[in-house]
Amino acid sequence: MVDKLAVKHRVDPNEVEEVLLNRPKFRFVEKGKQKGEDVYLALGQTYAGRYLTVLFIHKQPVQALILSARDMAKKERKLYGRK
């Protein structure tokens, strides 16, 4: 997953962590196949100011399995701005 983030989307894993720790806006995406493992989207900003979208599976109690991360689309940026 780390290689995909770096090569395809040019996102560093540290940036993903920054987004998740920097008060992102969360959106429910879909119910998970396993109970308690739903898929969410986090819209947030890195400490350097980069706007990212992070797709992850929420695992109990406070863990996340990162599925993907990329720069925000214009529509997502507007949604994030209405925080």
PDB file of N, CA and C in Angstrom:
ATOM      1  N   MET A   1       0.831  -1.196   0.000  1.00  0.00           N
ATOM      2  CA  MET A   1       0.000   0.000   0.000  1.00  0.00           C
ATOM      3  C   MET A   1       0.873   1.257   0.000  1.00  0.00           C
ATOM      4  N   VAL A   2       1.948   1.232   0.767  1.00  0.00           N
ATOM      5  CA  VAL A   2       2.828   2.398   0.841  1.00  0.00           C
ATOM      6  C   VAL A   2       3.393   2.722  -0.535  1.00  0.00           C
ATOM      7  N   ASP A   3       3.789   1.683  -1.284  1.00  0.00           N
ATOM      8  CA  ASP A   3       4.330   1.903  -2.627  1.00  0.00           C
ATOM      9  C   ASP A   3       3.292   2.528  -3.548  1.00  0.00           C
ATOM     10  N   LYS A   4       2.040   2.045  -3.466  1.00  0.00           N
ATOM     11  CA  LYS A   4       0.977   2.587  -4.317  1.00  0.00           C
ATOM     12  C   LYS A   4       0.754   4.061  -4.007  1.00  0.00           C
ATOM     13  N   LEU A   5       0.729   4.405  -2.720  1.00  0.00           N
ATOM     14  CA  LEU A   5       0.520   5.804  -2.343  1.00  0.00           C
ATOM     15  C   LEU A   5       1.636   6.677  -2.891  1.00  0.00           C
ATOM     16  N   ALA A   6       2.865   6.199  -2.774  1.00  0.00           N
ATOM     17  CA  ALA A   6       4.013   6.988  -3.207  1.00  0.00           C
ATOM     18  C   ALA A   6       4.103   7.086  -4.728  1.00  0.00           C
ATOM     19  N   VAL A   7       3.919   5.974  -5.416  1.00  0.00           N
ATOM     20  CA  VAL A   7       4.096   5.956  -6.870  1.00  0.00           C
ATOM     21  C   VAL A   7       2.894   6.529  -7.610  1.00  0.00           C
ATOM     22  N   LYS A   8       1.711   6.016  -7.334  1.00  0.00           N
ATOM     23  CA  LYS A   8       0.524   6.407  -8.095  1.00  0.00           C
ATOM     24  C   LYS A   8      -0.006   7.787  -7.705  1.00  0.00           C
ATOM     25  N   HIS A   9      -0.060   8.058  -6.412  1.00  0.00           N
ATOM     26  CA  HIS A   9      -0.686   9.298  -5.951  1.00  0.00           C
ATOM     27  C   HIS A   9       0.304  10.319  -5.372  1.00  0.00           C
ATOM     28  N   ARG A  10       1.566   9.927  -5.254  1.00  0.00           N
ATOM     29  CA  ARG A  10       2.612  10.810  -4.711  1.00  0.00           C
ATOM     30  C   ARG A  10       2.255  11.348  -3.328  1.00  0.00           C
ATOM     31  N   VAL A  11       1.775  10.433  -2.496  1.00  0.00           N
ATOM     32  CA  VAL A  11       1.404  10.774  -1.122  1.00  0.00           C
ATOM     33  C   VAL A  11       2.308   9.992  -0.181  1.00  0.00           C
ATOM     34  N   ASP A  12       2.934  10.686   0.738  1.00  0.00           N
ATOM     35  CA  ASP A  12       3.795  10.064   1.735  1.00  0.00           C
ATOM     36  C   ASP A  12       2.928   9.548   2.888  1.00  0.00           C
ATOM     37  N   PRO A  13       3.231   8.371   3.430  1.00  0.00           N
ATOM     38  CA  PRO A  13       2.451   7.853   4.562  1.00  0.00           C
ATOM     39  C   PRO A  13       2.378   8.816   5.745  1.00  0.00           C
ATOM     40  N   ASN A  14       3.417   9.614   5.940  1.00  0.00           N
ATOM     41  CA  ASN A  14       3.392  10.608   7.022  1.00  0.00           C
ATOM     42  C   ASN A  14       2.316  11.668   6.777  1.00  0.00           C
ATOM     43  N   GLU A  15       2.083  11.998   5.508  1.00  0.00           N
ATOM     44  CA  GLU A  15       1.030  12.961   5.181  1.00  0.00           C
ATOM     45  C   GLU A  15      -0.347  12.395   5.521  1.00  0.00           C
ATOM     46  N   VAL A  16      -0.525  11.098   5.281  1.00  0.00           N
ATOM     47  CA  VAL A  16      -1.797  10.447   5.617  1.00  0.00           C
ATOM     48  C   VAL A  16      -2.033  10.543   7.120  1.00  0.00           C
ATOM     49  N   GLU A  17      -1.005  10.256   7.890  1.00  0.00           N
ATOM     50  CA  GLU A  17      -1.116  10.332   9.350  1.00  0.00           C
ATOM     51  C   GLU A  17      -1.440  11.756   9.795  1.00  0.00           C
ATOM     52  N   GLU A  18      -0.797  12.740   9.187  1.00  0.00           N
ATOM     53  CA  GLU A  18      -1.066  14.140   9.527  1.00  0.00           C
ATOM     54  C   GLU A  18      -2.527  14.495   9.280  1.00  0.00           C
ATOM     55  N   VAL A  19      -3.067  14.059   8.144  1.00  0.00           N
ATOM     56  CA  VAL A  19      -4.468  14.344   7.813  1.00  0.00           C
ATOM     57  C   VAL A  19      -5.386  13.750   8.875  1.00  0.00           C
ATOM     58  N   LEU A  20      -5.133  12.489   9.240  1.00  0.00           N
ATOM     59  CA  LEU A  20      -6.007  11.817  10.199  1.00  0.00           C
ATOM     60  C   LEU A  20      -5.897  12.392  11.610  1.00  0.00           C
ATOM     61  N   LEU A  21      -4.779  13.021  11.924  1.00  0.00           N
ATOM     62  CA  LEU A  21      -4.591  13.607  13.256  1.00  0.00           C
ATOM     63  C   LEU A  21      -4.935  15.094  13.311  1.00  0.00           C
ATOM     64  N   ASN A  22      -5.211  15.702  12.165  1.00  0.00           N
ATOM     65  CA  ASN A  22      -5.407  17.148  12.084  1.00  0.00           C
ATOM     66  C   ASN A  22      -6.881  17.520  11.873  1.00  0.00           C
ATOM     67  N   ARG A  23      -7.764  16.915  12.645  1.00  0.00           N
ATOM     68  CA  ARG A  23      -9.202  17.205  12.637  1.00  0.00           C
ATOM     69  C   ARG A  23      -9.820  17.171  11.238  1.00  0.00           C
ATOM     70  N   PRO A  24      -9.786  16.009  10.579  1.00  0.00           N
ATOM     71  CA  PRO A  24     -10.376  15.911   9.240  1.00  0.00           C
ATOM     72  C   PRO A  24     -11.898  15.882   9.291  1.00  0.00           C
ATOM     73  N   LYS A  25     -12.494  16.006   8.142  1.00  0.00           N
ATOM     74  CA  LYS A  25     -13.943  15.862   7.993  1.00  0.00           C
ATOM     75  C   LYS A  25     -14.178  14.432   7.507  1.00  0.00           C
ATOM     76  N   PHE A  26     -14.943  13.648   8.272  1.00  0.00           N
ATOM     77  CA  PHE A  26     -15.185  12.245   7.941  1.00  0.00           C
ATOM     78  C   PHE A  26     -16.507  12.074   7.218  1.00  0.00           C
ATOM     79  N   ARG A  27     -16.531  11.112   6.294  1.00  0.00           N
ATOM     80  CA  ARG A  27     -17.741  10.751   5.562  1.00  0.00           C
ATOM     81  C   ARG A  27     -17.842   9.232   5.527  1.00  0.00           C
ATOM     82  N   PHE A  28     -19.025   8.709   5.826  1.00  0.00           N
ATOM     83  CA  PHE A  28     -19.271   7.274   5.708  1.00  0.00           C
ATOM     84  C   PHE A  28     -19.372   6.936   4.221  1.00  0.00           C
ATOM     85  N   VAL A  29     -18.705   5.852   3.785  1.00  0.00           N
ATOM     86  CA  VAL A  29     -18.740   5.451   2.379  1.00  0.00           C
ATOM     87  C   VAL A  29     -19.618   4.216   2.187  1.00  0.00           C
ATOM     88  N   GLU A  30     -19.306   3.151   2.914  1.00  0.00           N
ATOM     89  CA  GLU A  30     -20.103   1.924   2.791  1.00  0.00           C
ATOM     90  C   GLU A  30     -19.874   1.008   3.984  1.00  0.00           C
ATOM     91  N   LYS A  31     -20.834   0.118   4.180  1.00  0.00           N
ATOM     92  CA  LYS A  31     -20.731  -0.875   5.240  1.00  0.00           C
ATOM     93  C   LYS A  31     -19.666  -1.896   4.870  1.00  0.00           C
ATOM     94  N   GLY A  32     -18.867  -2.296   5.853  1.00  0.00           N
ATOM     95  CA  GLY A  32     -17.820  -3.280   5.605  1.00  0.00           C
ATOM     96  C   GLY A  32     -18.361  -4.695   5.503  1.00  0.00           C
ATOM     97  N   LYS A  33     -17.547  -5.562   4.938  1.00  0.00           N
ATOM     98  CA  LYS A  33     -17.938  -6.968   4.819  1.00  0.00           C
ATOM     99  C   LYS A  33     -17.922  -7.649   6.183  1.00  0.00           C
ATOM    100  N   GLN A  34     -17.038  -7.201   7.050  1.00  0.00           N
ATOM    101  CA  GLN A  34     -16.965  -7.697   8.420  1.00  0.00           C
ATOM    102  C   GLN A  34     -17.665  -6.702   9.337  1.00  0.00           C
ATOM    103  N   LYS A  35     -18.311  -7.195  10.364  1.00  0.00           N
ATOM    104  CA  LYS A  35     -18.986  -6.315  11.314  1.00  0.00           C
ATOM    105  C   LYS A  35     -17.958  -5.390  11.977  1.00  0.00           C
ATOM    106  N   GLY A  36     -18.290  -4.113  12.025  1.00  0.00           N
ATOM    107  CA  GLY A  36     -17.416  -3.143  12.670  1.00  0.00           C
ATOM    108  C   GLY A  36     -16.249  -2.678  11.825  1.00  0.00           C
ATOM    109  N   GLU A  37     -16.234  -2.990  10.539  1.00  0.00           N
ATOM    110  CA  GLU A  37     -15.138  -2.567   9.662  1.00  0.00           C
ATOM    111  C   GLU A  37     -15.681  -1.784   8.469  1.00  0.00           C
ATOM    112  N   ASP A  38     -16.380  -0.708   8.762  1.00  0.00           N
ATOM    113  CA  ASP A  38     -16.964   0.129   7.722  1.00  0.00           C
ATOM    114  C   ASP A  38     -15.895   0.970   7.029  1.00  0.00           C
ATOM    115  N   VAL A  39     -16.204   1.398   5.814  1.00  0.00           N
ATOM    116  CA  VAL A  39     -15.275   2.194   5.010  1.00  0.00           C
ATOM    117  C   VAL A  39     -15.654   3.669   5.127  1.00  0.00           C
ATOM    118  N   TYR A  40     -14.638   4.514   5.362  1.00  0.00           N
ATOM    119  CA  TYR A  40     -14.839   5.948   5.531  1.00  0.00           C
ATOM    120  C   TYR A  40     -13.878   6.729   4.647  1.00  0.00           C
ATOM    121  N   LEU A  41     -14.228   7.985   4.433  1.00  0.00           N
ATOM    122  CA  LEU A  41     -13.416   8.937   3.701  1.00  0.00           C
ATOM    123  C   LEU A  41     -13.049  10.043   4.680  1.00  0.00           C
ATOM    124  N   ALA A  42     -11.797  10.431   4.686  1.00  0.00           N
ATOM    125  CA  ALA A  42     -11.359  11.545   5.517  1.00  0.00           C
ATOM    126  C   ALA A  42     -10.856  12.651   4.597  1.00  0.00           C
ATOM    127  N   LEU A  43     -11.426  13.830   4.734  1.00  0.00           N
ATOM    128  CA  LEU A  43     -10.977  14.999   3.981  1.00  0.00           C
ATOM    129  C   LEU A  43     -10.211  15.870   4.953  1.00  0.00           C
ATOM    130  N   GLY A  44      -8.956  16.163   4.624  1.00  0.00           N
ATOM    131  CA  GLY A  44      -8.166  16.943   5.562  1.00  0.00           C
ATOM    132  C   GLY A  44      -6.959  17.582   4.921  1.00  0.00           C
ATOM    133  N   GLN A  45      -6.189  18.226   5.791  1.00  0.00           N
ATOM    134  CA  GLN A  45      -5.049  19.008   5.352  1.00  0.00           C
ATOM    135  C   GLN A  45      -3.805  18.568   6.114  1.00  0.00           C
ATOM    136  N   THR A  46      -2.671  18.501   5.407  1.00  0.00           N
ATOM    137  CA  THR A  46      -1.407  18.185   6.065  1.00  0.00           C
ATOM    138  C   THR A  46      -0.898  19.445   6.758  1.00  0.00           C
ATOM    139  N   TYR A  47       0.129  19.286   7.577  1.00  0.00           N
ATOM    140  CA  TYR A  47       0.704  20.449   8.262  1.00  0.00           C
ATOM    141  C   TYR A  47       1.310  21.431   7.257  1.00  0.00           C
ATOM    142  N   ALA A  48       1.713  20.924   6.083  1.00  0.00           N
ATOM    143  CA  ALA A  48       2.281  21.780   5.036  1.00  0.00           C
ATOM    144  C   ALA A  48       1.203  22.463   4.197  1.00  0.00           C
ATOM    145  N   GLY A  49      -0.070  22.099   4.430  1.00  0.00           N
ATOM    146  CA  GLY A  49      -1.162  22.747   3.719  1.00  0.00           C
ATOM    147  C   GLY A  49      -1.727  21.980   2.536  1.00  0.00           C
ATOM    148  N   ARG A  50      -1.244  20.788   2.291  1.00  0.00           N
ATOM    149  CA  ARG A  50      -1.743  19.972   1.173  1.00  0.00           C
ATOM    150  C   ARG A  50      -3.096  19.361   1.551  1.00  0.00           C
ATOM    151  N   TYR A  51      -4.061  19.449   0.639  1.00  0.00           N
ATOM    152  CA  TYR A  51      -5.398  18.904   0.871  1.00  0.00           C
ATOM    153  C   TYR A  51      -5.468  17.482   0.318  1.00  0.00           C
ATOM    154  N   LEU A  52      -5.788  16.514   1.192  1.00  0.00           N
ATOM    155  CA  LEU A  52      -5.824  15.114   0.791  1.00  0.00           C
ATOM    156  C   LEU A  52      -7.155  14.455   1.122  1.00  0.00           C
ATOM    157  N   THR A  53      -7.476  13.443   0.335  1.00  0.00           N
ATOM    158  CA  THR A  53      -8.614  12.562   0.581  1.00  0.00           C
ATOM    159  C   THR A  53      -8.036  11.204   0.941  1.00  0.00           C
ATOM    160  N   VAL A  54      -8.444  10.662   2.091  1.00  0.00           N
ATOM    161  CA  VAL A  54      -7.945   9.370   2.559  1.00  0.00           C
ATOM    162  C   VAL A  54      -9.125   8.414   2.699  1.00  0.00           C
ATOM    163  N   LEU A  55      -9.043   7.276   2.042  1.00  0.00           N
ATOM    164  CA  LEU A  55     -10.071   6.239   2.122  1.00  0.00           C
ATOM    165  C   LEU A  55      -9.526   5.148   3.040  1.00  0.00           C
ATOM    166  N   PHE A  56     -10.306   4.775   4.066  1.00  0.00           N
ATOM    167  CA  PHE A  56      -9.805   3.801   5.032  1.00  0.00           C
ATOM    168  C   PHE A  56     -10.927   2.960   5.625  1.00  0.00           C
ATOM    169  N   ILE A  57     -10.528   1.809   6.185  1.00  0.00           N
ATOM    170  CA  ILE A  57     -11.448   0.955   6.932  1.00  0.00           C
ATOM    171  C   ILE A  57     -11.213   1.237   8.402  1.00  0.00           C
ATOM    172  N   HIS A  58     -12.282   1.574   9.108  1.00  0.00           N
ATOM    173  CA  HIS A  58     -12.180   1.828  10.545  1.00  0.00           C
ATOM    174  C   HIS A  58     -12.166   0.497  11.268  1.00  0.00           C
ATOM    175  N   LYS A  59     -11.112   0.248  12.025  1.00  0.00           N
ATOM    176  CA  LYS A  59     -10.995  -0.986  12.803  1.00  0.00           C
ATOM    177  C   LYS A  59     -11.033  -0.623  14.279  1.00  0.00           C
ATOM    178  N   GLN A  60     -11.608  -1.496  15.068  1.00  0.00           N
ATOM    179  CA  GLN A  60     -11.745  -1.244  16.504  1.00  0.00           C
ATOM    180  C   GLN A  60     -10.434  -1.524  17.214  1.00  0.00           C
ATOM    181  N   PRO A  61     -10.097  -0.835  18.288  1.00  0.00           N
ATOM    182  CA  PRO A  61     -10.812   0.324  18.805  1.00  0.00           C
ATOM    183  C   PRO A  61     -10.423   1.628  18.120  1.00  0.00           C
ATOM    184  N   VAL A  62      -9.143   1.853  17.861  1.00  0.00           N
ATOM    185  CA  VAL A  62      -8.753   3.136  17.247  1.00  0.00           C
ATOM    186  C   VAL A  62      -7.707   2.932  16.144  1.00  0.00           C
ATOM    187  N   GLN A  63      -7.970   2.005  15.261  1.00  0.00           N
ATOM    188  CA  GLN A  63      -7.038   1.741  14.177  1.00  0.00           C
ATOM    189  C   GLN A  63      -7.709   1.995  12.837  1.00  0.00           C
ATOM    190  N   ALA A  64      -6.874   2.248  11.836  1.00  0.00           N
ATOM    191  CA  ALA A  64      -7.395   2.461  10.484  1.00  0.00           C
ATOM    192  C   ALA A  64      -6.517   1.701   9.498  1.00  0.00           C
ATOM    193  N   LEU A  65      -7.151   1.007   8.572  1.00  0.00           N
ATOM    194  CA  LEU A  65      -6.450   0.337   7.484  1.00  0.00           C
ATOM    195  C   LEU A  65      -6.612   1.229   6.259  1.00  0.00           C
ATOM    196  N   ILE A  66      -5.527   1.838   5.824  1.00  0.00           N
ATOM    197  CA  ILE A  66      -5.570   2.783   4.712  1.00  0.00           C
ATOM    198  C   ILE A  66      -5.750   2.028   3.397  1.00  0.00           C
ATOM    199  N   LEU A  67      -6.772   2.418   2.646  1.00  0.00           N
ATOM    200  CA  LEU A  67      -7.033   1.814   1.341  1.00  0.00           C
ATOM    201  C   LEU A  67      -6.410   2.639   0.223  1.00  0.00           C
ATOM    202  N   SER A  68      -6.492   3.970   0.350  1.00  0.00           N
ATOM    203  CA  SER A  68      -5.943   4.856  -0.666  1.00  0.00           C
ATOM    204  C   SER A  68      -5.870   6.277  -0.114  1.00  0.00           C
ATOM    205  N   ALA A  69      -5.060   7.091  -0.755  1.00  0.00           N
ATOM    206  CA  ALA A  69      -4.959   8.509  -0.404  1.00  0.00           C
ATOM    207  C   ALA A  69      -4.524   9.258  -1.652  1.00  0.00           C
ATOM    208  N   ARG A  70      -5.107  10.436  -1.842  1.00  0.00           N
ATOM    209  CA  ARG A  70      -4.813  11.226  -3.046  1.00  0.00           C
ATOM    210  C   ARG A  70      -5.139  12.684  -2.772  1.00  0.00           C
ATOM    211  N   ASP A  71      -4.747  13.544  -3.716  1.00  0.00           N
ATOM    212  CA  ASP A  71      -5.106  14.954  -3.610  1.00  0.00           C
ATOM    213  C   ASP A  71      -6.615  15.089  -3.756  1.00  0.00           C
ATOM    214  N   MET A  72      -7.181  16.047  -3.043  1.00  0.00           N
ATOM    215  CA  MET A  72      -8.630  16.273  -3.111  1.00  0.00           C
ATOM    216  C   MET A  72      -9.044  16.758  -4.491  1.00  0.00           C
ATOM    217  N   ALA A  73     -10.205  16.303  -4.924  1.00  0.00           N
ATOM    218  CA  ALA A  73     -10.830  16.819  -6.140  1.00  0.00           C
ATOM    219  C   ALA A  73     -11.473  18.166  -5.800  1.00  0.00           C
ATOM    220  N   LYS A  74     -11.779  18.974  -6.800  1.00  0.00           N
ATOM    221  CA  LYS A  74     -12.371  20.297  -6.567  1.00  0.00           C
ATOM    222  C   LYS A  74     -13.658  20.211  -5.755  1.00  0.00           C
ATOM    223  N   LYS A  75     -14.502  19.249  -6.081  1.00  0.00           N
ATOM    224  CA  LYS A  75     -15.774  19.086  -5.372  1.00  0.00           C
ATOM    225  C   LYS A  75     -15.539  18.743  -3.892  1.00  0.00           C
ATOM    226  N   GLU A  76     -14.555  17.881  -3.627  1.00  0.00           N
ATOM    227  CA  GLU A  76     -14.216  17.522  -2.247  1.00  0.00           C
ATOM    228  C   GLU A  76     -13.642  18.723  -1.507  1.00  0.00           C
ATOM    229  N   ARG A  77     -12.861  19.526  -2.213  1.00  0.00           N
ATOM    230  CA  ARG A  77     -12.253  20.721  -1.601  1.00  0.00           C
ATOM    231  C   ARG A  77     -13.344  21.688  -1.152  1.00  0.00           C
ATOM    232  N   LYS A  78     -14.385  21.853  -1.961  1.00  0.00           N
ATOM    233  CA  LYS A  78     -15.510  22.720  -1.589  1.00  0.00           C
ATOM    234  C   LYS A  78     -16.223  22.162  -0.371  1.00  0.00           C
ATOM    235  N   LEU A  79     -16.438  20.852  -0.363  1.00  0.00           N
ATOM    236  CA  LEU A  79     -17.094  20.194   0.766  1.00  0.00           C
ATOM    237  C   LEU A  79     -16.270  20.374   2.038  1.00  0.00           C
ATOM    238  N   TYR A  80     -14.971  20.222   1.941  1.00  0.00           N
ATOM    239  CA  TYR A  80     -14.086  20.391   3.092  1.00  0.00           C
ATOM    240  C   TYR A  80     -14.108  21.837   3.585  1.00  0.00           C
ATOM    241  N   GLY A  81     -14.204  22.774   2.663  1.00  0.00           N
ATOM    242  CA  GLY A  81     -14.235  24.187   3.025  1.00  0.00           C
ATOM    243  C   GLY A  81     -15.467  24.571   3.821  1.00  0.00           C
ATOM    244  N   ARG A  82     -16.529  23.770   3.723  1.00  0.00           N
ATOM    245  CA  ARG A  82     -17.765  24.034   4.468  1.00  0.00           C
ATOM    246  C   ARG A  82     -17.758  23.373   5.834  1.00  0.00           C
ATOM    247  N   LYS A  83     -16.623  22.994   6.306  1.00  0.00           N
ATOM    248  CA  LYS A  83     -16.431  22.318   7.584  1.00  0.00           C
ATOM    249  C   LYS A  83     -17.150  23.011   8.646  1.00  0.00           C
TER     250      LYS A  83
END
